Amino acid sequence: MNQYDNLWNAIETRVKQNNDASTLDMSHSDNLMVNQVKQRTAQIFILEIILDKHRKQFGTRYFPLSGEEALYHLVFTRTNWLPAQIRTLSLSDALFVIAELFRDGNLQEGVRNFLGTQGLRNVSYPLDEFSDRDWAPKENEVHLSLP
């Protein structure tokens, strides 16, 4: 398995557990919850890809922008809000601030190709009920920090 597979599986498992969908058969593409779980997994997967790129650009060995710090720094670079304000944002609010980064054109071809193999539908599904706990940045980060 490559690092994208490992990251996707870690996120999908967490999303399913947090949303009482652990026994969900992900092959049923006509099931609303299946599609919501896939979309939420993709959303967090793309966030991790964006943050990995941001860490590589702005992180240092002295301040690597680990975990949530990468998201806070990304929001800071785009808004110039005070760090104390940024830390009060929910995950949904932070994603709203950086929403334009989630466009396909901003993703590397390899990432787009990987997402194309995940059975995602070309439709948006409501994710309002999904928890911020679906994102575990320190757990996810290890899957992308491999050589």
N, C-alpha and C. Protein backbone atom coordinates (compact mmCIF):
# COMPACT_ATOMS: atom_id res chain seq x y z
N MET A 1 0.83 -1.18 0.00
CA MET A 1 0.00 0.00 0.00
C MET A 1 0.87 1.25 0.00
N ASN A 2 0.47 2.23 -0.73
CA ASN A 2 1.26 3.46 -0.73
C ASN A 2 0.75 4.41 0.36
N GLN A 3 1.43 5.53 0.50
CA GLN A 3 1.08 6.46 1.58
C GLN A 3 -0.33 7.03 1.43
N TYR A 4 -0.80 7.22 0.19
CA TYR A 4 -2.16 7.72 0.00
C TYR A 4 -3.18 6.69 0.47
N ASP A 5 -2.95 5.42 0.14
CA ASP A 5 -3.85 4.35 0.60
C ASP A 5 -3.90 4.31 2.12
N ASN A 6 -2.73 4.36 2.74
CA ASN A 6 -2.66 4.31 4.20
C ASN A 6 -3.39 5.50 4.83
N LEU A 7 -3.17 6.66 4.28
CA LEU A 7 -3.83 7.86 4.80
C LEU A 7 -5.34 7.75 4.62
N TRP A 8 -5.78 7.38 3.42
CA TRP A 8 -7.22 7.25 3.15
C TRP A 8 -7.86 6.26 4.12
N ASN A 9 -7.23 5.10 4.29
CA ASN A 9 -7.80 4.06 5.17
C ASN A 9 -7.88 4.53 6.62
N ALA A 10 -6.86 5.24 7.09
CA ALA A 10 -6.88 5.75 8.46
C ALA A 10 -8.01 6.75 8.65
N ILE A 11 -8.16 7.64 7.69
CA ILE A 11 -9.23 8.65 7.79
C ILE A 11 -10.60 7.99 7.69
N GLU A 12 -10.78 7.11 6.71
CA GLU A 12 -12.07 6.45 6.52
C GLU A 12 -12.48 5.67 7.76
N THR A 13 -11.54 4.96 8.36
CA THR A 13 -11.84 4.19 9.57
C THR A 13 -12.31 5.11 10.69
N ARG A 14 -11.61 6.22 10.87
CA ARG A 14 -11.98 7.17 11.92
C ARG A 14 -13.35 7.80 11.64
N VAL A 15 -13.60 8.19 10.40
CA VAL A 15 -14.88 8.81 10.05
C VAL A 15 -16.02 7.82 10.30
N LYS A 16 -15.82 6.58 9.91
CA LYS A 16 -16.86 5.56 10.13
C LYS A 16 -17.10 5.35 11.63
N GLN A 17 -16.04 5.25 12.42
CA GLN A 17 -16.18 5.04 13.86
C GLN A 17 -16.89 6.21 14.53
N ASN A 18 -16.53 7.41 14.16
CA ASN A 18 -17.11 8.60 14.80
C ASN A 18 -18.56 8.84 14.42
N ASN A 19 -19.01 8.21 13.37
CA ASN A 19 -20.37 8.46 12.87
C ASN A 19 -21.23 7.20 12.85
N ASP A 20 -20.90 6.27 13.74
CA ASP A 20 -21.67 5.03 13.90
C ASP A 20 -21.89 4.32 12.57
N ALA A 21 -20.84 4.26 11.76
CA ALA A 21 -20.95 3.62 10.45
C ALA A 21 -19.88 2.54 10.28
N SER A 22 -19.37 2.00 11.38
CA SER A 22 -18.28 1.04 11.32
C SER A 22 -18.62 -0.20 10.52
N THR A 23 -19.87 -0.60 10.54
CA THR A 23 -20.26 -1.81 9.81
C THR A 23 -20.76 -1.52 8.41
N LEU A 24 -20.67 -0.29 7.98
CA LEU A 24 -21.17 0.13 6.67
C LEU A 24 -20.38 -0.53 5.55
N ASP A 25 -21.09 -1.12 4.60
CA ASP A 25 -20.46 -1.70 3.41
C ASP A 25 -20.24 -0.58 2.40
N MET A 26 -19.00 -0.20 2.22
CA MET A 26 -18.67 0.97 1.40
C MET A 26 -18.86 0.72 -0.09
N SER A 27 -19.22 -0.48 -0.48
CA SER A 27 -19.42 -0.76 -1.90
C SER A 27 -20.82 -0.36 -2.39
N HIS A 28 -21.71 -0.01 -1.47
CA HIS A 28 -23.07 0.39 -1.85
C HIS A 28 -23.11 1.88 -2.21
N SER A 29 -22.86 2.18 -3.46
CA SER A 29 -22.75 3.58 -3.88
C SER A 29 -24.09 4.31 -3.94
N ASP A 30 -25.20 3.58 -3.76
CA ASP A 30 -26.51 4.23 -3.76
C ASP A 30 -26.97 4.60 -2.35
N ASN A 31 -26.15 4.31 -1.34
CA ASN A 31 -26.47 4.58 0.05
C ASN A 31 -25.96 5.99 0.42
N LEU A 32 -26.85 6.82 0.95
CA LEU A 32 -26.49 8.19 1.30
C LEU A 32 -25.34 8.24 2.29
N MET A 33 -25.40 7.43 3.34
CA MET A 33 -24.35 7.46 4.36
C MET A 33 -23.00 7.04 3.78
N VAL A 34 -23.00 6.06 2.88
CA VAL A 34 -21.75 5.64 2.22
C VAL A 34 -21.15 6.83 1.49
N ASN A 35 -21.97 7.54 0.75
CA ASN A 35 -21.48 8.69 -0.02
C ASN A 35 -21.04 9.84 0.89
N GLN A 36 -21.72 10.02 1.99
CA GLN A 36 -21.30 11.05 2.94
C GLN A 36 -19.95 10.69 3.57
N VAL A 37 -19.79 9.43 3.95
CA VAL A 37 -18.52 8.99 4.54
C VAL A 37 -17.39 9.15 3.52
N LYS A 38 -17.64 8.78 2.28
CA LYS A 38 -16.61 8.94 1.25
C LYS A 38 -16.26 10.41 1.05
N GLN A 39 -17.27 11.26 1.00
CA GLN A 39 -17.01 12.69 0.80
C GLN A 39 -16.26 13.28 1.98
N ARG A 40 -16.65 12.92 3.21
CA ARG A 40 -15.95 13.43 4.39
C ARG A 40 -14.51 12.93 4.42
N THR A 41 -14.32 11.67 4.06
CA THR A 41 -12.97 11.12 3.99
C THR A 41 -12.14 11.88 2.97
N ALA A 42 -12.72 12.14 1.81
CA ALA A 42 -12.01 12.88 0.76
C ALA A 42 -11.69 14.30 1.24
N GLN A 43 -12.63 14.92 1.93
CA GLN A 43 -12.42 16.29 2.42
C GLN A 43 -11.21 16.35 3.36
N ILE A 44 -11.15 15.41 4.29
CA ILE A 44 -10.04 15.40 5.24
C ILE A 44 -8.75 14.97 4.55
N PHE A 45 -8.84 14.02 3.63
CA PHE A 45 -7.67 13.58 2.86
C PHE A 45 -7.07 14.78 2.12
N ILE A 46 -7.90 15.54 1.43
CA ILE A 46 -7.41 16.71 0.68
C ILE A 46 -6.83 17.74 1.65
N LEU A 47 -7.48 17.94 2.80
CA LEU A 47 -6.93 18.85 3.80
C LEU A 47 -5.52 18.43 4.17
N GLU A 48 -5.32 17.16 4.40
CA GLU A 48 -3.99 16.67 4.78
C GLU A 48 -2.97 16.90 3.66
N ILE A 49 -3.37 16.72 2.42
CA ILE A 49 -2.47 16.97 1.29
C ILE A 49 -2.10 18.46 1.24
N ILE A 50 -3.09 19.32 1.42
CA ILE A 50 -2.86 20.77 1.43
C ILE A 50 -1.91 21.15 2.57
N LEU A 51 -2.14 20.58 3.75
CA LEU A 51 -1.30 20.92 4.90
C LEU A 51 0.11 20.37 4.76
N ASP A 52 0.24 19.21 4.14
CA ASP A 52 1.58 18.65 3.90
C ASP A 52 2.38 19.59 3.01
N LYS A 53 1.75 20.08 1.97
CA LYS A 53 2.41 21.04 1.07
C LYS A 53 2.78 22.32 1.83
N HIS A 54 1.87 22.78 2.68
CA HIS A 54 2.12 24.00 3.46
C HIS A 54 3.29 23.80 4.43
N ARG A 55 3.34 22.63 5.09
CA ARG A 55 4.45 22.32 6.00
C ARG A 55 5.78 22.35 5.27
N LYS A 56 5.79 21.75 4.08
CA LYS A 56 7.04 21.71 3.31
C LYS A 56 7.48 23.11 2.89
N GLN A 57 6.53 23.99 2.65
CA GLN A 57 6.86 25.34 2.22
C GLN A 57 7.26 26.25 3.39
N PHE A 58 6.58 26.13 4.52
CA PHE A 58 6.78 27.08 5.61
C PHE A 58 7.38 26.49 6.88
N GLY A 59 7.31 25.18 7.06
CA GLY A 59 7.83 24.56 8.27
C GLY A 59 9.35 24.52 8.26
N THR A 60 9.92 24.44 9.45
CA THR A 60 11.36 24.30 9.59
C THR A 60 11.63 23.19 10.59
N ARG A 61 12.88 22.80 10.71
CA ARG A 61 13.17 21.77 11.71
C ARG A 61 12.97 22.31 13.12
N TYR A 62 12.99 23.62 13.26
CA TYR A 62 12.79 24.25 14.57
C TYR A 62 11.31 24.49 14.87
N PHE A 63 10.53 24.61 13.83
CA PHE A 63 9.08 24.79 13.97
C PHE A 63 8.41 24.12 12.78
N PRO A 64 8.19 22.81 12.88
CA PRO A 64 7.72 22.04 11.72
C PRO A 64 6.25 22.21 11.35
N LEU A 65 5.50 22.98 12.11
CA LEU A 65 4.06 23.15 11.86
C LEU A 65 3.33 21.81 11.92
N SER A 66 3.54 21.09 13.00
CA SER A 66 2.91 19.79 13.19
C SER A 66 1.44 19.94 13.56
N GLY A 67 0.68 18.92 13.21
CA GLY A 67 -0.72 18.86 13.61
C GLY A 67 -1.53 20.08 13.22
N GLU A 68 -2.31 20.56 14.18
CA GLU A 68 -3.20 21.69 13.94
C GLU A 68 -2.45 22.97 13.60
N GLU A 69 -1.19 23.06 14.04
CA GLU A 69 -0.41 24.28 13.79
C GLU A 69 -0.31 24.59 12.30
N ALA A 70 -0.25 23.56 11.47
CA ALA A 70 -0.19 23.79 10.01
C ALA A 70 -1.47 24.46 9.52
N LEU A 71 -2.62 24.01 10.02
CA LEU A 71 -3.89 24.63 9.61
C LEU A 71 -3.96 26.07 10.13
N TYR A 72 -3.58 26.27 11.39
CA TYR A 72 -3.61 27.61 11.95
C TYR A 72 -2.70 28.55 11.15
N HIS A 73 -1.52 28.08 10.80
CA HIS A 73 -0.58 28.91 10.05
C HIS A 73 -1.12 29.20 8.65
N LEU A 74 -1.72 28.20 8.02
CA LEU A 74 -2.30 28.40 6.69
C LEU A 74 -3.41 29.46 6.74
N VAL A 75 -4.29 29.36 7.72
CA VAL A 75 -5.35 30.37 7.87
C VAL A 75 -4.73 31.74 8.14
N PHE A 76 -3.69 31.77 8.98
CA PHE A 76 -3.01 33.03 9.28
C PHE A 76 -2.44 33.67 8.01
N THR A 77 -1.77 32.87 7.18
CA THR A 77 -1.15 33.42 5.97
C THR A 77 -2.18 33.95 4.98
N ARG A 78 -3.39 33.45 5.06
CA ARG A 78 -4.43 33.87 4.13
C ARG A 78 -5.27 35.04 4.67
N THR A 79 -5.29 35.21 6.00
CA THR A 79 -6.20 36.19 6.58
C THR A 79 -5.53 37.28 7.42
N ASN A 80 -4.35 36.98 7.95
CA ASN A 80 -3.66 37.87 8.91
C ASN A 80 -4.45 38.06 10.21
N TRP A 81 -5.35 37.11 10.51
CA TRP A 81 -6.04 37.16 11.79
C TRP A 81 -5.05 36.83 12.90
N LEU A 82 -5.37 37.23 14.11
CA LEU A 82 -4.53 36.91 15.25
C LEU A 82 -4.60 35.41 15.54
N PRO A 83 -3.47 34.81 15.94
CA PRO A 83 -3.47 33.38 16.26
C PRO A 83 -4.55 32.99 17.27
N ALA A 84 -4.78 33.84 18.27
CA ALA A 84 -5.82 33.53 19.27
C ALA A 84 -7.19 33.41 18.62
N GLN A 85 -7.47 34.24 17.62
CA GLN A 85 -8.75 34.15 16.91
C GLN A 85 -8.81 32.87 16.09
N ILE A 86 -7.73 32.54 15.43
CA ILE A 86 -7.69 31.37 14.55
C ILE A 86 -7.91 30.10 15.35
N ARG A 87 -7.32 30.02 16.54
CA ARG A 87 -7.44 28.81 17.36
C ARG A 87 -8.86 28.56 17.85
N THR A 88 -9.72 29.57 17.78
CA THR A 88 -11.11 29.38 18.22
C THR A 88 -12.00 28.84 17.10
N LEU A 89 -11.49 28.80 15.87
CA LEU A 89 -12.29 28.31 14.75
C LEU A 89 -12.57 26.82 14.87
N SER A 90 -13.77 26.42 14.52
CA SER A 90 -14.05 24.99 14.38
C SER A 90 -13.38 24.50 13.11
N LEU A 91 -13.29 23.21 12.94
CA LEU A 91 -12.72 22.67 11.70
C LEU A 91 -13.55 23.13 10.51
N SER A 92 -14.87 23.09 10.63
CA SER A 92 -15.74 23.53 9.53
C SER A 92 -15.49 24.98 9.15
N ASP A 93 -15.30 25.83 10.15
CA ASP A 93 -15.03 27.24 9.87
C ASP A 93 -13.67 27.43 9.21
N ALA A 94 -12.67 26.70 9.67
CA ALA A 94 -11.34 26.80 9.06
C ALA A 94 -11.38 26.31 7.61
N LEU A 95 -12.12 25.23 7.36
CA LEU A 95 -12.25 24.73 5.98
C LEU A 95 -12.96 25.76 5.11
N PHE A 96 -13.94 26.44 5.67
CA PHE A 96 -14.64 27.50 4.94
C PHE A 96 -13.65 28.59 4.50
N VAL A 97 -12.75 28.96 5.38
CA VAL A 97 -11.78 30.02 5.08
C VAL A 97 -10.85 29.61 3.93
N ILE A 98 -10.50 28.33 3.86
CA ILE A 98 -9.55 27.88 2.83
C ILE A 98 -10.22 27.08 1.72
N ALA A 99 -11.52 27.22 1.58
CA ALA A 99 -12.30 26.39 0.65
C ALA A 99 -11.77 26.37 -0.77
N GLU A 100 -11.28 27.50 -1.28
CA GLU A 100 -10.83 27.53 -2.68
C GLU A 100 -9.63 26.63 -2.92
N LEU A 101 -8.91 26.25 -1.88
CA LEU A 101 -7.76 25.35 -2.05
C LEU A 101 -8.19 23.92 -2.36
N PHE A 102 -9.46 23.62 -2.18
CA PHE A 102 -9.97 22.26 -2.40
C PHE A 102 -10.38 22.01 -3.85
N ARG A 103 -10.14 22.94 -4.72
CA ARG A 103 -10.47 22.76 -6.14
C ARG A 103 -9.53 21.74 -6.75
N ASP A 104 -10.06 20.93 -7.67
CA ASP A 104 -9.25 19.90 -8.32
C ASP A 104 -7.98 20.46 -8.94
N GLY A 105 -8.08 21.64 -9.53
CA GLY A 105 -6.93 22.25 -10.19
C GLY A 105 -5.78 22.58 -9.26
N ASN A 106 -6.04 22.64 -7.95
CA ASN A 106 -4.99 22.92 -6.97
C ASN A 106 -4.30 21.66 -6.48
N LEU A 107 -4.80 20.50 -6.91
CA LEU A 107 -4.23 19.23 -6.45
C LEU A 107 -3.27 18.67 -7.49
N GLN A 108 -2.23 18.01 -7.03
CA GLN A 108 -1.30 17.36 -7.94
C GLN A 108 -2.02 16.25 -8.69
N GLU A 109 -1.51 15.94 -9.86
CA GLU A 109 -2.12 14.92 -10.71
C GLU A 109 -2.22 13.58 -9.99
N GLY A 110 -1.19 13.19 -9.25
CA GLY A 110 -1.22 11.93 -8.53
C GLY A 110 -2.33 11.87 -7.50
N VAL A 111 -2.58 12.98 -6.84
CA VAL A 111 -3.67 13.07 -5.85
C VAL A 111 -5.01 12.96 -6.56
N ARG A 112 -5.17 13.69 -7.65
CA ARG A 112 -6.43 13.62 -8.42
C ARG A 112 -6.67 12.20 -8.92
N ASN A 113 -5.62 11.55 -9.41
CA ASN A 113 -5.76 10.17 -9.90
C ASN A 113 -6.17 9.24 -8.76
N PHE A 114 -5.54 9.40 -7.60
CA PHE A 114 -5.90 8.57 -6.45
C PHE A 114 -7.36 8.77 -6.07
N LEU A 115 -7.78 10.02 -5.97
CA LEU A 115 -9.18 10.30 -5.62
C LEU A 115 -10.14 9.70 -6.64
N GLY A 116 -9.72 9.67 -7.90
CA GLY A 116 -10.54 9.09 -8.95
C GLY A 116 -10.79 7.60 -8.78
N THR A 117 -9.96 6.94 -7.98
CA THR A 117 -10.13 5.50 -7.75
C THR A 117 -10.96 5.19 -6.51
N GLN A 118 -11.43 6.20 -5.81
CA GLN A 118 -12.11 5.99 -4.53
C GLN A 118 -13.63 5.92 -4.62
N GLY A 119 -14.17 5.93 -5.81
CA GLY A 119 -15.62 5.79 -5.97
C GLY A 119 -16.41 7.00 -5.51
N LEU A 120 -15.80 8.17 -5.58
CA LEU A 120 -16.51 9.39 -5.19
C LEU A 120 -17.48 9.79 -6.29
N ARG A 121 -18.65 10.23 -5.89
CA ARG A 121 -19.64 10.69 -6.85
C ARG A 121 -19.41 12.17 -7.14
N ASN A 122 -19.88 12.62 -8.25
CA ASN A 122 -19.70 14.01 -8.66
C ASN A 122 -20.84 14.88 -8.13
N VAL A 123 -21.20 14.64 -6.88
CA VAL A 123 -22.31 15.32 -6.21
C VAL A 123 -21.85 15.68 -4.80
N SER A 124 -22.33 16.77 -4.26
CA SER A 124 -22.02 17.13 -2.88
C SER A 124 -23.09 16.57 -1.95
N TYR A 125 -22.64 16.10 -0.81
CA TYR A 125 -23.55 15.56 0.20
C TYR A 125 -23.41 16.39 1.47
N PRO A 126 -24.49 16.54 2.24
CA PRO A 126 -24.41 17.33 3.47
C PRO A 126 -23.49 16.66 4.49
N LEU A 127 -22.60 17.45 5.06
CA LEU A 127 -21.67 16.93 6.06
C LEU A 127 -21.78 17.69 7.38
N ASP A 128 -22.87 18.44 7.54
CA ASP A 128 -23.05 19.29 8.72
C ASP A 128 -23.03 18.50 10.03
N GLU A 129 -23.48 17.28 10.00
CA GLU A 129 -23.59 16.48 11.22
C GLU A 129 -22.28 15.79 11.59
N PHE A 130 -21.28 15.88 10.72
CA PHE A 130 -20.03 15.19 10.98
C PHE A 130 -19.20 16.00 11.98
N SER A 131 -18.48 15.29 12.83
CA SER A 131 -17.76 15.88 13.95
C SER A 131 -16.35 16.34 13.57
N ASP A 132 -15.86 17.35 14.27
CA ASP A 132 -14.47 17.77 14.12
C ASP A 132 -13.51 16.65 14.53
N ARG A 133 -14.00 15.69 15.31
CA ARG A 133 -13.16 14.56 15.73
C ARG A 133 -12.76 13.68 14.56
N ASP A 134 -13.42 13.84 13.41
CA ASP A 134 -13.05 13.06 12.23
C ASP A 134 -11.63 13.38 11.77
N TRP A 135 -11.15 14.55 12.14
CA TRP A 135 -9.80 14.98 11.76
C TRP A 135 -8.85 14.77 12.92
N ALA A 136 -7.86 13.92 12.73
CA ALA A 136 -6.82 13.67 13.73
C ALA A 136 -5.47 13.95 13.08
N PRO A 137 -5.08 15.22 13.03
CA PRO A 137 -3.92 15.62 12.23
C PRO A 137 -2.61 14.95 12.61
N LYS A 138 -2.38 14.72 13.87
CA LYS A 138 -1.10 14.09 14.25
C LYS A 138 -1.07 12.63 13.81
N GLU A 139 -2.20 11.96 13.83
CA GLU A 139 -2.27 10.58 13.34
C GLU A 139 -2.14 10.54 11.82
N ASN A 140 -2.76 11.49 11.15
CA ASN A 140 -2.73 11.52 9.68
C ASN A 140 -1.36 11.92 9.14
N GLU A 141 -0.73 12.85 9.82
CA GLU A 141 0.53 13.42 9.33
C GLU A 141 1.61 12.37 9.10
N VAL A 142 1.63 11.33 9.92
CA VAL A 142 2.69 10.31 9.78
C VAL A 142 2.61 9.59 8.45
N HIS A 143 1.44 9.51 7.86
CA HIS A 143 1.29 8.82 6.58
C HIS A 143 1.88 9.60 5.42
N LEU A 144 2.03 10.90 5.58
CA LEU A 144 2.58 11.73 4.51
C LEU A 144 4.04 12.10 4.74
N SER A 145 4.55 11.89 5.94
CA SER A 145 5.92 12.30 6.23
C SER A 145 6.93 11.22 5.89
N LEU A 146 6.48 10.16 5.23
CA LEU A 146 7.40 9.10 4.82
C LEU A 146 8.18 9.57 3.60
N PRO A 147 9.41 9.04 3.42
CA PRO A 147 10.19 9.45 2.24
C PRO A 147 9.55 9.05 0.94
